[in-house]
Amino acid sequence: MGITEITYLWIIIALIIFPINLIYKAPYGKHSTKKWGKTIDNKTGWVLMEFPALITCPLIYYIVVEEISLSIGFIFIWITHYFNRTIIYPLKIKTKGKKIPVAIVASAFFFNVINGILNGYFIATIPFESISFTCILIGFIIFIIGLFINIFSDNILIKLRTNQKGYVIPKGGLFNYVSCPNFFGEIIEWLGFAIMTLNLGSISFLIWTICNLIPRSKAHHKWYNENFENYPSKRKAVIPYLL
């Protein structure tokens, strides 16, 4: 089985997992539970599960690529996102005492290894010259918009955790329209990346992102509605005015 067939199989797995994610909430953050066994510190778990993505994609690209081309720009864009997620974000979050199941960390670690390999390989093997400038420009703009939404929304949540002892209703930015604008921003990011790079690996990542974050967003949205009587009724879960 070649890497293309493996990638199609990877996409099928995401589509199978999607309805399961809609039913069973990942047990961390607001939905934390001890039923999933041994736990570790939330910050430590976050770094461990994101770190493979930070290094695997650039490493595979370097190993596979025959000659460094402008496609290395895609790698720098990838590193920009994952340096924030792996290093900067864990340093900023205020989650003292919070735990995450080792099983969740292990599954995310495995996902990020596979995802990093696929994206590194396809970026290295798809000729940069075969991608139109229009796709690169549009995809890059969409990616930057998504990155901004993601980081801006995360910062709102981080400030809330700093100033409040318990959970409160987030306000400001796209929180006025959806419960999880940080997830919306991440979906937008990888949509832009898929348009920009035009390869099967980035498309598979976009599909996985959607299959993971839409159920996660719906679970958050339901939690907010169940725990706050005055939660804004017009807010959607993740996509403004739609979902």
Foldseek 3Di string as FASTA:
>chain_A
DDPVVVLVVLLVVLVVCLVVLLVDPQQFDPNPDCPLDDKDDPLVLQLLLLVLLLPLLVVLLVVQAPDDDPLVVLVVLSNVVSCCRNPVLSVLADDPPGIHRPVVSVVSNVVSNSLSNLNSNLSRPDDLVVADPVLQVQLVVQLVQLSCQLVVVSVQVRVCVVVDVDDDQGDDDCSVAARCSNLLSVLSNLVSSCSNRVDSSSVSVSSSSCSNSVSNQVVSVVVCVVPDVPHDPRHHRYDGPPD
